[in-house]
């Protein structure tokens, strides 16, 4: 249920046409709540049908005109309700961790190269977040809205820092693993 709330948040920050909204998503909210452009457009239609947003009246003929959306009072109320509601943290689900667990049973072939690739990707994302922090949150920019937005960015920085450090540790463990060792198979007899 979070995609509609992400869209309501973005539209409250600035009424937007669908294309502009998808671009803004790609540059901000999409870092922590991803959605395809098709999902965003589909959700805009649903939000409008529920009476949470509306298309702003256009001064030009509708054919070929961009629809600009704004949040209605009911949409703001829904976002306030959702923001205040208690939610439990979600358990961690990460394919790489599952693959490592499987490697303990079937072997590690190809996994170290993918760990290196993940380390590179997380390192680049960390640098992107740090650049956004330098650009968008200079010293002294600490109004209440800025502080909350910065807090979200800090979560991204801290998570990417965790992953880069953890991947460095995992790669050092791989360097210490015996080469081409077959994992012990459950139920197999030892000679």
N, C-alpha and C. Protein backbone atom coordinates (compact mmCIF):
# COMPACT_ATOMS: atom_id res chain seq x y z
N UNK A 1 0.82 -1.20 0.00
CA UNK A 1 0.00 0.00 0.00
C UNK A 1 0.86 1.26 0.00
N UNK A 2 2.17 1.16 -0.05
CA UNK A 2 3.00 2.35 0.10
C UNK A 2 3.18 3.18 -1.16
N UNK A 3 3.04 2.59 -2.34
CA UNK A 3 3.20 3.38 -3.56
C UNK A 3 2.20 4.53 -3.62
N UNK A 4 0.91 4.33 -3.31
CA UNK A 4 0.02 5.48 -3.35
C UNK A 4 0.44 6.58 -2.37
N UNK A 5 0.99 6.18 -1.25
CA UNK A 5 1.42 7.17 -0.25
C UNK A 5 2.68 7.90 -0.72
N UNK A 6 3.55 7.20 -1.41
CA UNK A 6 4.73 7.85 -1.98
C UNK A 6 4.30 8.89 -3.02
N UNK A 7 3.30 8.55 -3.83
CA UNK A 7 2.81 9.48 -4.85
C UNK A 7 2.12 10.67 -4.20
N UNK A 8 1.30 10.41 -3.17
CA UNK A 8 0.66 11.52 -2.46
C UNK A 8 1.71 12.47 -1.87
N UNK A 9 2.75 11.91 -1.30
CA UNK A 9 3.83 12.73 -0.74
C UNK A 9 4.45 13.61 -1.82
N UNK A 10 4.80 13.00 -2.95
CA UNK A 10 5.43 13.75 -4.03
C UNK A 10 4.51 14.85 -4.57
N UNK A 11 3.22 14.54 -4.69
CA UNK A 11 2.29 15.55 -5.22
C UNK A 11 2.01 16.65 -4.20
N UNK A 12 2.06 16.35 -2.92
CA UNK A 12 1.92 17.41 -1.92
C UNK A 12 3.13 18.33 -1.93
N UNK A 13 4.30 17.76 -2.22
CA UNK A 13 5.49 18.59 -2.33
C UNK A 13 5.39 19.52 -3.54
N UNK A 14 4.79 19.00 -4.63
CA UNK A 14 4.64 19.81 -5.84
C UNK A 14 3.66 19.14 -6.80
N UNK A 15 2.51 19.80 -7.11
CA UNK A 15 1.62 19.24 -8.12
C UNK A 15 2.40 19.01 -9.42
N UNK A 16 2.13 17.88 -10.07
CA UNK A 16 2.95 17.50 -11.22
C UNK A 16 2.15 16.74 -12.25
N UNK A 17 2.64 16.79 -13.47
CA UNK A 17 2.14 15.92 -14.53
C UNK A 17 2.78 14.55 -14.32
N UNK A 18 2.20 13.52 -14.91
CA UNK A 18 2.71 12.17 -14.73
C UNK A 18 4.16 12.02 -15.09
N UNK A 19 4.58 12.56 -16.23
CA UNK A 19 5.98 12.42 -16.65
C UNK A 19 6.92 13.11 -15.68
N UNK A 20 6.56 14.32 -15.27
CA UNK A 20 7.39 15.03 -14.30
C UNK A 20 7.47 14.25 -12.99
N UNK A 21 6.36 13.68 -12.57
CA UNK A 21 6.32 12.90 -11.33
C UNK A 21 7.24 11.68 -11.44
N UNK A 22 7.20 10.97 -12.56
CA UNK A 22 8.07 9.81 -12.72
C UNK A 22 9.54 10.22 -12.70
N UNK A 23 9.87 11.35 -13.29
CA UNK A 23 11.25 11.84 -13.26
C UNK A 23 11.68 12.21 -11.85
N UNK A 24 10.78 12.87 -11.11
CA UNK A 24 11.09 13.21 -9.72
C UNK A 24 11.26 11.95 -8.88
N UNK A 25 10.44 10.94 -9.17
CA UNK A 25 10.56 9.66 -8.47
C UNK A 25 11.94 9.08 -8.70
N UNK A 26 12.39 9.11 -9.95
CA UNK A 26 13.70 8.55 -10.30
C UNK A 26 14.84 9.25 -9.56
N UNK A 27 14.65 10.54 -9.25
CA UNK A 27 15.72 11.32 -8.62
C UNK A 27 15.63 11.40 -7.09
N UNK A 28 14.55 10.93 -6.49
CA UNK A 28 14.44 11.09 -5.04
C UNK A 28 13.75 9.89 -4.39
N UNK A 29 12.45 9.87 -4.37
CA UNK A 29 11.71 8.81 -3.68
C UNK A 29 12.09 7.43 -4.22
N UNK A 30 12.38 7.36 -5.49
CA UNK A 30 12.74 6.09 -6.11
C UNK A 30 13.99 5.44 -5.54
N UNK A 31 14.82 6.20 -4.84
CA UNK A 31 16.00 5.61 -4.21
C UNK A 31 15.61 4.66 -3.08
N UNK A 32 14.47 4.91 -2.43
CA UNK A 32 14.09 4.04 -1.33
C UNK A 32 12.73 3.38 -1.53
N UNK A 33 11.97 3.81 -2.54
CA UNK A 33 10.72 3.13 -2.87
C UNK A 33 10.57 3.15 -4.38
N UNK A 34 11.05 2.10 -5.02
CA UNK A 34 11.08 2.09 -6.48
C UNK A 34 9.74 1.71 -7.07
N UNK A 35 9.47 2.25 -8.23
CA UNK A 35 8.27 1.93 -9.00
C UNK A 35 8.55 2.23 -10.46
N UNK A 36 7.98 1.43 -11.33
CA UNK A 36 8.13 1.70 -12.75
C UNK A 36 7.23 2.86 -13.13
N UNK A 37 7.51 3.47 -14.26
CA UNK A 37 6.67 4.56 -14.74
C UNK A 37 5.24 4.06 -14.96
N UNK A 38 5.09 2.85 -15.46
CA UNK A 38 3.77 2.27 -15.69
C UNK A 38 3.01 2.13 -14.37
N UNK A 39 3.69 1.68 -13.31
CA UNK A 39 3.03 1.54 -12.01
C UNK A 39 2.57 2.91 -11.49
N UNK A 40 3.40 3.93 -11.68
CA UNK A 40 3.05 5.27 -11.22
C UNK A 40 1.82 5.79 -11.96
N UNK A 41 1.81 5.65 -13.28
CA UNK A 41 0.65 6.12 -14.06
C UNK A 41 -0.62 5.36 -13.67
N UNK A 42 -0.50 4.05 -13.49
CA UNK A 42 -1.65 3.25 -13.09
C UNK A 42 -2.17 3.71 -11.72
N UNK A 43 -1.25 3.98 -10.79
CA UNK A 43 -1.64 4.41 -9.45
C UNK A 43 -2.26 5.80 -9.47
N UNK A 44 -1.79 6.68 -10.35
CA UNK A 44 -2.42 8.01 -10.48
C UNK A 44 -3.90 7.86 -10.82
N UNK A 45 -4.21 6.96 -11.74
CA UNK A 45 -5.61 6.72 -12.11
C UNK A 45 -6.42 6.21 -10.94
N UNK A 46 -5.85 5.30 -10.16
CA UNK A 46 -6.55 4.75 -9.00
C UNK A 46 -6.78 5.83 -7.94
N UNK A 47 -5.75 6.65 -7.69
CA UNK A 47 -5.88 7.72 -6.69
C UNK A 47 -6.95 8.73 -7.11
N UNK A 48 -6.99 9.01 -8.41
CA UNK A 48 -8.00 9.95 -8.90
C UNK A 48 -9.40 9.34 -8.76
N UNK A 49 -9.53 8.06 -9.08
CA UNK A 49 -10.83 7.38 -8.96
C UNK A 49 -11.31 7.33 -7.51
N UNK A 50 -10.37 7.26 -6.57
CA UNK A 50 -10.72 7.21 -5.14
C UNK A 50 -10.99 8.61 -4.57
N UNK A 51 -10.80 9.64 -5.38
CA UNK A 51 -11.06 10.99 -4.91
C UNK A 51 -9.96 11.55 -4.02
N UNK A 52 -8.74 11.02 -4.14
CA UNK A 52 -7.62 11.49 -3.32
C UNK A 52 -6.79 12.54 -4.05
N UNK A 53 -6.83 12.52 -5.38
CA UNK A 53 -6.15 13.53 -6.19
C UNK A 53 -7.12 13.95 -7.30
N UNK A 54 -6.77 15.04 -7.97
CA UNK A 54 -7.56 15.45 -9.13
C UNK A 54 -6.62 16.03 -10.16
N UNK A 55 -7.12 16.07 -11.39
CA UNK A 55 -6.41 16.72 -12.47
C UNK A 55 -6.75 18.19 -12.41
N UNK A 56 -5.74 19.03 -12.43
CA UNK A 56 -5.98 20.47 -12.43
C UNK A 56 -6.63 20.88 -13.74
N UNK A 57 -7.57 21.81 -13.68
CA UNK A 57 -8.20 22.28 -14.92
C UNK A 57 -7.15 22.87 -15.86
N UNK A 58 -7.34 22.61 -17.13
CA UNK A 58 -6.40 23.10 -18.14
C UNK A 58 -7.01 24.27 -18.89
N UNK A 59 -6.17 25.23 -19.25
CA UNK A 59 -6.63 26.38 -20.03
C UNK A 59 -6.66 26.07 -21.52
N UNK A 60 -6.04 24.95 -21.91
CA UNK A 60 -5.97 24.57 -23.31
C UNK A 60 -6.85 23.35 -23.54
N UNK A 61 -7.16 23.04 -24.81
CA UNK A 61 -7.94 21.84 -25.10
C UNK A 61 -7.27 20.59 -24.51
N UNK A 62 -8.08 19.63 -24.07
CA UNK A 62 -7.58 18.45 -23.36
C UNK A 62 -6.77 17.51 -24.25
N UNK A 63 -7.07 17.45 -25.54
CA UNK A 63 -6.39 16.48 -26.40
C UNK A 63 -4.89 16.78 -26.47
N UNK A 64 -4.09 15.83 -26.06
CA UNK A 64 -2.64 15.97 -26.11
C UNK A 64 -2.07 16.82 -24.99
N UNK A 65 -2.90 17.33 -24.12
CA UNK A 65 -2.47 18.17 -23.00
C UNK A 65 -2.02 17.29 -21.83
N UNK A 66 -0.92 17.68 -21.19
CA UNK A 66 -0.48 16.96 -20.00
C UNK A 66 -1.47 17.18 -18.87
N UNK A 67 -1.76 16.10 -18.14
CA UNK A 67 -2.59 16.21 -16.95
C UNK A 67 -1.68 16.54 -15.77
N UNK A 68 -1.99 17.61 -15.07
CA UNK A 68 -1.25 17.96 -13.87
C UNK A 68 -2.13 17.60 -12.68
N UNK A 69 -1.57 16.83 -11.76
CA UNK A 69 -2.33 16.32 -10.61
C UNK A 69 -2.00 17.10 -9.35
N UNK A 70 -3.01 17.24 -8.50
CA UNK A 70 -2.81 17.80 -7.17
C UNK A 70 -3.57 16.93 -6.17
N UNK A 71 -3.14 17.01 -4.92
CA UNK A 71 -3.76 16.23 -3.86
C UNK A 71 -4.97 16.98 -3.33
N UNK A 72 -6.07 16.25 -3.16
CA UNK A 72 -7.29 16.80 -2.57
C UNK A 72 -7.25 16.64 -1.05
N UNK A 73 -8.11 17.34 -0.32
CA UNK A 73 -8.11 17.19 1.14
C UNK A 73 -8.22 15.74 1.61
N UNK A 74 -9.00 14.92 0.93
CA UNK A 74 -9.11 13.50 1.31
C UNK A 74 -7.77 12.78 1.15
N UNK A 75 -6.99 13.17 0.14
CA UNK A 75 -5.67 12.58 -0.07
C UNK A 75 -4.71 12.97 1.04
N UNK A 76 -4.76 14.23 1.45
CA UNK A 76 -3.92 14.69 2.57
C UNK A 76 -4.31 13.95 3.85
N UNK A 77 -5.61 13.80 4.08
CA UNK A 77 -6.08 13.08 5.27
C UNK A 77 -5.60 11.63 5.26
N UNK A 78 -5.64 11.00 4.09
CA UNK A 78 -5.17 9.61 3.98
C UNK A 78 -3.68 9.54 4.29
N UNK A 79 -2.90 10.50 3.80
CA UNK A 79 -1.47 10.49 4.05
C UNK A 79 -1.17 10.74 5.53
N UNK A 80 -1.93 11.62 6.16
CA UNK A 80 -1.77 11.87 7.60
C UNK A 80 -2.09 10.59 8.38
N UNK A 81 -3.19 9.93 8.02
CA UNK A 81 -3.57 8.68 8.69
C UNK A 81 -2.49 7.63 8.55
N UNK A 82 -2.00 7.45 7.34
CA UNK A 82 -0.99 6.43 7.05
C UNK A 82 0.33 6.74 7.77
N UNK A 83 0.73 8.00 7.76
CA UNK A 83 1.98 8.41 8.40
C UNK A 83 1.94 8.13 9.90
N UNK A 84 0.79 8.35 10.53
CA UNK A 84 0.65 8.18 11.98
C UNK A 84 0.44 6.72 12.40
N UNK A 85 0.07 5.86 11.46
CA UNK A 85 -0.23 4.46 11.79
C UNK A 85 1.05 3.71 12.17
N UNK A 86 0.92 2.82 13.11
CA UNK A 86 2.03 1.98 13.54
C UNK A 86 2.26 0.87 12.52
N UNK A 87 3.52 0.62 12.20
CA UNK A 87 3.87 -0.47 11.30
C UNK A 87 5.08 -1.20 11.85
N UNK A 88 5.06 -2.52 11.77
CA UNK A 88 6.19 -3.31 12.24
C UNK A 88 7.29 -3.29 11.18
N UNK A 89 8.55 -3.41 11.63
CA UNK A 89 9.63 -3.50 10.63
C UNK A 89 9.49 -4.79 9.84
N UNK A 90 9.92 -4.73 8.61
CA UNK A 90 9.86 -5.92 7.76
C UNK A 90 11.13 -6.74 7.94
N UNK A 91 10.99 -8.06 7.92
CA UNK A 91 12.21 -8.89 8.00
C UNK A 91 13.07 -8.70 6.76
N UNK A 92 14.35 -8.84 6.94
CA UNK A 92 15.29 -8.70 5.83
C UNK A 92 15.12 -9.86 4.86
N UNK A 93 14.95 -9.53 3.59
CA UNK A 93 14.90 -10.52 2.52
C UNK A 93 15.89 -10.06 1.47
N UNK A 94 16.99 -10.78 1.35
CA UNK A 94 18.01 -10.41 0.38
C UNK A 94 18.48 -11.67 -0.35
N UNK A 95 18.40 -11.62 -1.66
CA UNK A 95 18.76 -12.78 -2.48
C UNK A 95 20.22 -13.17 -2.28
N UNK A 96 21.13 -12.19 -2.14
CA UNK A 96 22.54 -12.52 -1.97
C UNK A 96 22.76 -13.34 -0.71
N UNK A 97 22.07 -12.99 0.37
CA UNK A 97 22.24 -13.75 1.61
C UNK A 97 21.72 -15.17 1.44
N UNK A 98 20.62 -15.32 0.73
CA UNK A 98 20.10 -16.67 0.46
C UNK A 98 21.06 -17.46 -0.43
N UNK A 99 21.65 -16.79 -1.39
CA UNK A 99 22.61 -17.46 -2.28
C UNK A 99 23.85 -17.92 -1.51
N UNK A 100 24.30 -17.10 -0.55
CA UNK A 100 25.44 -17.51 0.27
C UNK A 100 25.09 -18.74 1.10
N UNK A 101 23.88 -18.75 1.64
CA UNK A 101 23.45 -19.92 2.42
C UNK A 101 23.42 -21.16 1.53
N UNK A 102 22.92 -21.01 0.30
CA UNK A 102 22.89 -22.13 -0.64
C UNK A 102 24.30 -22.57 -1.02
N UNK A 103 25.22 -21.62 -1.12
CA UNK A 103 26.61 -21.94 -1.49
C UNK A 103 27.25 -22.85 -0.45
N UNK A 104 26.82 -22.74 0.80
CA UNK A 104 27.36 -23.63 1.83
C UNK A 104 27.00 -25.08 1.55
N UNK A 105 25.96 -25.30 0.76
CA UNK A 105 25.51 -26.65 0.45
C UNK A 105 25.99 -27.10 -0.93
N UNK A 106 25.99 -26.20 -1.92
CA UNK A 106 26.29 -26.62 -3.30
C UNK A 106 27.61 -26.10 -3.85
N UNK A 107 28.30 -25.26 -3.13
CA UNK A 107 29.57 -24.72 -3.61
C UNK A 107 29.44 -23.27 -4.02
N UNK A 108 30.58 -22.62 -4.16
CA UNK A 108 30.63 -21.16 -4.33
C UNK A 108 30.91 -20.70 -5.75
N UNK A 109 30.88 -21.60 -6.71
CA UNK A 109 31.24 -21.23 -8.08
C UNK A 109 30.47 -20.01 -8.56
N UNK A 110 31.20 -19.01 -9.03
CA UNK A 110 30.62 -17.80 -9.60
C UNK A 110 30.18 -16.76 -8.59
N UNK A 111 30.12 -17.12 -7.34
CA UNK A 111 29.58 -16.22 -6.33
C UNK A 111 30.53 -15.07 -5.98
N UNK A 112 31.81 -15.35 -5.94
CA UNK A 112 32.76 -14.30 -5.58
C UNK A 112 32.74 -13.16 -6.60
N UNK A 113 32.63 -13.49 -7.87
CA UNK A 113 32.56 -12.44 -8.90
C UNK A 113 31.31 -11.58 -8.71
N UNK A 114 30.21 -12.20 -8.32
CA UNK A 114 28.99 -11.43 -8.10
C UNK A 114 29.09 -10.59 -6.83
N UNK A 115 29.77 -11.10 -5.81
CA UNK A 115 30.02 -10.30 -4.61
C UNK A 115 30.82 -9.05 -4.97
N UNK A 116 31.82 -9.21 -5.82
CA UNK A 116 32.62 -8.06 -6.27
C UNK A 116 31.74 -7.05 -7.03
N UNK A 117 30.86 -7.56 -7.87
CA UNK A 117 29.96 -6.70 -8.62
C UNK A 117 29.02 -5.95 -7.67
N UNK A 118 28.48 -6.65 -6.69
CA UNK A 118 27.61 -6.00 -5.71
C UNK A 118 28.37 -4.93 -4.93
N UNK A 119 29.63 -5.23 -4.60
CA UNK A 119 30.44 -4.25 -3.86
C UNK A 119 30.61 -2.98 -4.69
N UNK A 120 30.83 -3.14 -5.97
CA UNK A 120 30.98 -1.99 -6.87
C UNK A 120 29.67 -1.20 -6.94
N UNK A 121 28.55 -1.90 -7.09
CA UNK A 121 27.26 -1.22 -7.19
C UNK A 121 26.91 -0.47 -5.91
N UNK A 122 27.11 -1.11 -4.76
CA UNK A 122 26.83 -0.44 -3.48
C UNK A 122 27.79 0.73 -3.26
N UNK A 123 29.03 0.59 -3.68
CA UNK A 123 29.99 1.69 -3.56
C UNK A 123 29.57 2.89 -4.40
N UNK A 124 29.09 2.63 -5.61
CA UNK A 124 28.62 3.73 -6.46
C UNK A 124 27.38 4.41 -5.88
N UNK A 125 26.45 3.59 -5.34
CA UNK A 125 25.25 4.16 -4.75
C UNK A 125 25.59 5.00 -3.53
N UNK A 126 26.55 4.55 -2.75
CA UNK A 126 27.00 5.31 -1.59
C UNK A 126 27.56 6.66 -2.02
N UNK A 127 28.35 6.68 -3.07
CA UNK A 127 28.89 7.94 -3.57
C UNK A 127 27.80 8.85 -4.10
N UNK A 128 26.80 8.27 -4.77
CA UNK A 128 25.66 9.07 -5.24
C UNK A 128 24.96 9.74 -4.07
N UNK A 129 24.69 8.97 -3.02
CA UNK A 129 24.02 9.53 -1.84
C UNK A 129 24.87 10.61 -1.18
N UNK A 130 26.16 10.38 -1.10
CA UNK A 130 27.04 11.40 -0.49
C UNK A 130 27.06 12.68 -1.32
N UNK A 131 27.03 12.54 -2.63
CA UNK A 131 26.98 13.71 -3.51
C UNK A 131 25.66 14.47 -3.31
N UNK A 132 24.55 13.75 -3.21
CA UNK A 132 23.26 14.39 -2.96
C UNK A 132 23.32 15.13 -1.62
N UNK A 133 23.93 14.51 -0.63
CA UNK A 133 24.04 15.14 0.69
C UNK A 133 24.85 16.44 0.60
N UNK A 134 25.97 16.41 -0.10
CA UNK A 134 26.80 17.62 -0.25
C UNK A 134 26.03 18.72 -0.99
N UNK A 135 25.29 18.32 -2.03
CA UNK A 135 24.57 19.28 -2.86
C UNK A 135 23.32 19.83 -2.17
N UNK A 136 22.53 18.95 -1.56
CA UNK A 136 21.21 19.36 -1.07
C UNK A 136 21.15 19.71 0.42
N UNK A 137 22.17 19.36 1.18
CA UNK A 137 22.14 19.61 2.61
C UNK A 137 23.43 20.25 3.11
N UNK A 138 23.71 21.45 2.62
CA UNK A 138 24.91 22.13 3.10
C UNK A 138 24.74 22.55 4.56
N UNK A 139 25.83 22.86 5.25
CA UNK A 139 25.72 23.32 6.63
C UNK A 139 24.76 24.50 6.73
N UNK A 140 23.92 24.49 7.76
CA UNK A 140 22.97 25.57 7.96
C UNK A 140 21.60 25.31 7.37
N UNK A 141 21.50 24.34 6.49
CA UNK A 141 20.18 24.01 5.92
C UNK A 141 19.55 22.98 6.86
N UNK A 142 18.86 23.47 7.87
CA UNK A 142 18.36 22.55 8.88
C UNK A 142 16.95 22.89 9.38
N UNK A 143 16.10 23.38 8.46
CA UNK A 143 14.70 23.56 8.81
C UNK A 143 14.06 22.20 9.07
N UNK A 144 12.89 22.17 9.70
CA UNK A 144 12.24 20.89 10.03
C UNK A 144 12.06 19.96 8.81
N UNK A 145 11.59 20.50 7.68
CA UNK A 145 11.41 19.65 6.49
C UNK A 145 12.76 19.16 5.98
N UNK A 146 13.76 20.03 5.98
CA UNK A 146 15.09 19.63 5.52
C UNK A 146 15.67 18.54 6.41
N UNK A 147 15.47 18.67 7.71
CA UNK A 147 16.01 17.68 8.65
C UNK A 147 15.37 16.31 8.43
N UNK A 148 14.07 16.27 8.17
CA UNK A 148 13.42 14.99 7.91
C UNK A 148 13.88 14.39 6.58
N UNK A 149 13.99 15.22 5.56
CA UNK A 149 14.46 14.71 4.25
C UNK A 149 15.90 14.22 4.37
N UNK A 150 16.71 14.94 5.13
CA UNK A 150 18.10 14.54 5.33
C UNK A 150 18.16 13.22 6.10
N UNK A 151 17.25 13.04 7.04
CA UNK A 151 17.20 11.79 7.80
C UNK A 151 16.96 10.60 6.88
N UNK A 152 16.08 10.76 5.89
CA UNK A 152 15.83 9.69 4.92
C UNK A 152 17.10 9.42 4.13
N UNK A 153 17.77 10.47 3.68
CA UNK A 153 19.02 10.29 2.94
C UNK A 153 20.08 9.62 3.80
N UNK A 154 20.16 10.00 5.07
CA UNK A 154 21.13 9.39 5.98
C UNK A 154 20.88 7.89 6.10
N UNK A 155 19.61 7.47 6.08
CA UNK A 155 19.31 6.03 6.11
C UNK A 155 19.94 5.35 4.90
N UNK A 156 19.81 5.97 3.73
CA UNK A 156 20.43 5.41 2.53
C UNK A 156 21.95 5.35 2.65
N UNK A 157 22.55 6.42 3.15
CA UNK A 157 24.01 6.45 3.33
C UNK A 157 24.44 5.36 4.31
N UNK A 158 23.73 5.26 5.42
CA UNK A 158 24.10 4.26 6.43
C UNK A 158 23.91 2.83 5.91
N UNK A 159 22.83 2.58 5.17
CA UNK A 159 22.62 1.24 4.61
C UNK A 159 23.69 0.89 3.59
N UNK A 160 24.02 1.82 2.71
CA UNK A 160 25.07 1.54 1.72
C UNK A 160 26.43 1.39 2.38
N UNK A 161 26.68 2.14 3.44
CA UNK A 161 27.92 1.97 4.20
C UNK A 161 27.96 0.56 4.80
N UNK A 162 26.83 0.14 5.39
CA UNK A 162 26.77 -1.23 5.93
C UNK A 162 27.09 -2.24 4.84
N UNK A 163 26.40 -2.14 3.68
CA UNK A 163 26.60 -3.15 2.63
C UNK A 163 28.02 -3.15 2.09
N UNK A 164 28.61 -1.98 1.90
CA UNK A 164 29.98 -1.97 1.39
C UNK A 164 30.94 -2.60 2.41
N UNK A 165 30.76 -2.31 3.69
CA UNK A 165 31.62 -2.90 4.71
C UNK A 165 31.38 -4.41 4.82
N UNK A 166 30.11 -4.82 4.78
CA UNK A 166 29.81 -6.24 4.87
C UNK A 166 30.37 -6.99 3.66
N UNK A 167 30.22 -6.42 2.48
CA UNK A 167 30.75 -7.07 1.28
C UNK A 167 32.28 -7.15 1.32
N UNK A 168 32.94 -6.13 1.84
CA UNK A 168 34.39 -6.21 2.02
C UNK A 168 34.75 -7.39 2.93
N UNK A 169 33.99 -7.55 4.01
CA UNK A 169 34.21 -8.66 4.93
C UNK A 169 33.95 -10.00 4.22
N UNK A 170 32.84 -10.09 3.49
CA UNK A 170 32.50 -11.33 2.78
C UNK A 170 33.59 -11.69 1.78
N UNK A 171 34.08 -10.70 1.06
CA UNK A 171 35.13 -10.97 0.07
C UNK A 171 36.42 -11.43 0.75
N UNK A 172 36.73 -10.88 1.91
CA UNK A 172 37.94 -11.35 2.61
C UNK A 172 37.74 -12.79 3.10
N UNK A 173 36.51 -13.14 3.48
CA UNK A 173 36.23 -14.53 3.85
C UNK A 173 36.41 -15.45 2.64
N UNK A 174 35.95 -15.02 1.47
CA UNK A 174 36.11 -15.82 0.26
C UNK A 174 37.58 -16.05 -0.05
N UNK A 175 38.40 -15.04 0.21
CA UNK A 175 39.84 -15.20 -0.03
C UNK A 175 40.45 -16.27 0.85
N UNK A 176 39.85 -16.54 2.00
CA UNK A 176 40.38 -17.53 2.93
C UNK A 176 39.76 -18.92 2.75
N UNK A 177 38.75 -19.03 1.89
CA UNK A 177 38.14 -20.35 1.66
C UNK A 177 39.08 -21.23 0.85
N UNK A 178 39.11 -22.54 1.18
CA UNK A 178 39.90 -23.46 0.35
C UNK A 178 39.35 -23.47 -1.07
N UNK A 179 40.21 -23.55 -2.03
CA UNK A 179 39.80 -23.54 -3.43
C UNK A 179 39.20 -24.89 -3.82
N UNK A 180 38.10 -24.84 -4.57
CA UNK A 180 37.44 -26.00 -5.16
C UNK A 180 37.07 -27.06 -4.13
N UNK A 181 36.80 -26.64 -2.90
CA UNK A 181 36.38 -27.62 -1.90
C UNK A 181 34.90 -27.91 -2.10
N UNK A 182 34.60 -29.19 -2.15
CA UNK A 182 33.20 -29.59 -2.27
C UNK A 182 32.56 -29.54 -0.89
N UNK A 183 31.37 -28.97 -0.80
CA UNK A 183 30.69 -28.96 0.50
C UNK A 183 30.28 -30.37 0.91
N UNK A 184 30.20 -30.56 2.20
CA UNK A 184 29.76 -31.86 2.70
C UNK A 184 28.29 -32.03 2.38
N UNK A 185 27.95 -33.19 1.83
CA UNK A 185 26.55 -33.46 1.49
C UNK A 185 25.90 -34.19 2.65
N UNK A 186 24.72 -33.70 3.05
CA UNK A 186 24.03 -34.41 4.13
C UNK A 186 23.75 -35.86 3.74
N UNK A 187 23.99 -36.77 4.66
CA UNK A 187 23.72 -38.20 4.43
C UNK A 187 24.82 -38.92 3.67
N UNK A 188 25.85 -38.19 3.20
CA UNK A 188 26.93 -38.84 2.46
C UNK A 188 27.85 -39.56 3.46
N UNK A 189 28.38 -40.70 3.06
CA UNK A 189 29.31 -41.45 3.92
C UNK A 189 30.70 -40.93 3.72
N UNK A 190 31.39 -40.81 4.82
CA UNK A 190 32.80 -40.40 4.75
C UNK A 190 33.67 -41.63 4.60
N UNK A 191 34.69 -41.51 3.77
CA UNK A 191 35.58 -42.64 3.52
C UNK A 191 36.59 -42.82 4.62
